[in-house]
Amino acid sequence: MTLTSAEREFLMEILEEHHHELLREIARAKHHEFKSVLKHKEKLLESMVNNLKVMQSGELAHCSA
């Protein structure tokens, strides 16, 4: 998928906001199974954010070369 830098920044903002909400929901979850599902989603979300950061740093390195 190709994103403009503005689209990527906006997507990062959305993902980071959702990450914070997910962490709060995990903290409040009472049922172990539900908490487990939320933790799995949180790990996927972290992975996506990290991948976007790598893409962004690669683009920055490419632009400064």
C-alpha atoms as a PDB file:
ATOM      1  CA  MET A   1       0.000   0.000   0.000  1.00  0.00           C
ATOM      2  CA  THR A   2       1.320   3.417  -0.867  1.00  0.00           C
ATOM      3  CA  LEU A   3       0.517   6.361   1.393  1.00  0.00           C
ATOM      4  CA  THR A   4       1.460   9.994   1.184  1.00  0.00           C
ATOM      5  CA  SER A   5       3.371  11.315   4.165  1.00  0.00           C
ATOM      6  CA  ALA A   6       0.241  13.200   5.309  1.00  0.00           C
ATOM      7  CA  GLU A   7      -1.845  10.014   5.069  1.00  0.00           C
ATOM      8  CA  ARG A   8       0.787   8.032   6.956  1.00  0.00           C
ATOM      9  CA  GLU A   9       1.000  10.659   9.719  1.00  0.00           C
ATOM     10  CA  PHE A  10      -2.794  10.715  10.050  1.00  0.00           C
ATOM     11  CA  LEU A  11      -2.939   6.919  10.158  1.00  0.00           C
ATOM     12  CA  MET A  12      -0.239   6.894  12.861  1.00  0.00           C
ATOM     13  CA  GLU A  13      -2.254   9.404  14.879  1.00  0.00           C
ATOM     14  CA  ILE A  14      -5.395   7.268  14.614  1.00  0.00           C
ATOM     15  CA  LEU A  15      -3.530   4.078  15.516  1.00  0.00           C
ATOM     16  CA  GLU A  16      -1.805   5.674  18.501  1.00  0.00           C
ATOM     17  CA  GLU A  17      -5.115   7.035  19.813  1.00  0.00           C
ATOM     18  CA  HIS A  18      -6.707   3.611  19.428  1.00  0.00           C
ATOM     19  CA  HIS A  19      -3.704   2.016  21.139  1.00  0.00           C
ATOM     20  CA  HIS A  20      -4.234   4.195  24.219  1.00  0.00           C
ATOM     21  CA  GLU A  21      -7.950   3.349  24.266  1.00  0.00           C
ATOM     22  CA  LEU A  22      -7.154  -0.349  23.931  1.00  0.00           C
ATOM     23  CA  LEU A  23      -4.717  -0.217  26.854  1.00  0.00           C
ATOM     24  CA  ARG A  24      -7.409   1.388  29.023  1.00  0.00           C
ATOM     25  CA  GLU A  25      -9.905  -1.258  27.952  1.00  0.00           C
ATOM     26  CA  ILE A  26      -7.418  -4.035  28.792  1.00  0.00           C
ATOM     27  CA  ALA A  27      -6.901  -2.545  32.244  1.00  0.00           C
ATOM     28  CA  ARG A  28     -10.661  -2.503  32.879  1.00  0.00           C
ATOM     29  CA  ALA A  29     -11.430  -5.940  31.419  1.00  0.00           C
ATOM     30  CA  LYS A  30     -12.626  -8.423  34.012  1.00  0.00           C
ATOM     31  CA  HIS A  31     -12.961 -11.617  31.970  1.00  0.00           C
ATOM     32  CA  HIS A  32      -9.720 -13.422  31.189  1.00  0.00           C
ATOM     33  CA  GLU A  33     -10.780 -14.530  27.684  1.00  0.00           C
ATOM     34  CA  PHE A  34     -11.859 -11.017  26.694  1.00  0.00           C
ATOM     35  CA  LYS A  35      -8.660  -9.538  28.132  1.00  0.00           C
ATOM     36  CA  SER A  36      -6.644 -12.088  26.159  1.00  0.00           C
ATOM     37  CA  VAL A  37      -8.378 -11.085  22.907  1.00  0.00           C
ATOM     38  CA  LEU A  38      -7.710  -7.416  23.645  1.00  0.00           C
ATOM     39  CA  LYS A  39      -4.039  -8.116  24.379  1.00  0.00           C
ATOM     40  CA  HIS A  40      -3.724  -9.926  21.051  1.00  0.00           C
ATOM     41  CA  LYS A  41      -5.247  -6.932  19.261  1.00  0.00           C
ATOM     42  CA  GLU A  42      -2.875  -4.637  21.141  1.00  0.00           C
ATOM     43  CA  LYS A  43       0.146  -6.646  19.934  1.00  0.00           C
ATOM     44  CA  LEU A  44      -1.115  -6.470  16.345  1.00  0.00           C
ATOM     45  CA  LEU A  45      -1.618  -2.740  16.683  1.00  0.00           C
ATOM     46  CA  GLU A  46       1.901  -2.277  18.077  1.00  0.00           C
ATOM     47  CA  SER A  47       3.280  -4.236  15.134  1.00  0.00           C
ATOM     48  CA  MET A  48       1.410  -2.053  12.654  1.00  0.00           C
ATOM     49  CA  VAL A  49       2.646   1.150  14.314  1.00  0.00           C
ATOM     50  CA  ASN A  50       6.220  -0.140  14.298  1.00  0.00           C
ATOM     51  CA  ASN A  51       5.949  -1.083  10.616  1.00  0.00           C
ATOM     52  CA  LEU A  52       4.672   2.387   9.760  1.00  0.00           C
ATOM     53  CA  LYS A  53       7.545   3.956  11.714  1.00  0.00           C
ATOM     54  CA  VAL A  54      10.040   1.831   9.766  1.00  0.00           C
ATOM     55  CA  MET A  55       8.394   2.877   6.491  1.00  0.00           C
ATOM     56  CA  GLN A  56       8.538   6.509   7.569  1.00  0.00           C
ATOM     57  CA  SER A  57      12.195   6.363   8.602  1.00  0.00           C
ATOM     58  CA  GLY A  58      13.035   4.601   5.322  1.00  0.00           C
ATOM     59  CA  GLU A  59      11.303   7.353   3.404  1.00  0.00           C
ATOM     60  CA  LEU A  60      13.177  10.018   5.358  1.00  0.00           C
ATOM     61  CA  ALA A  61      16.488   8.299   4.645  1.00  0.00           C
ATOM     62  CA  HIS A  62      15.576   8.055   0.957  1.00  0.00           C
ATOM     63  CA  CYS A  63      14.644  11.750   0.767  1.00  0.00           C
ATOM     64  CA  SER A  64      17.863  12.915   2.431  1.00  0.00           C
ATOM     65  CA  ALA A  65      20.085  10.814   0.167  1.00  0.00           C
END
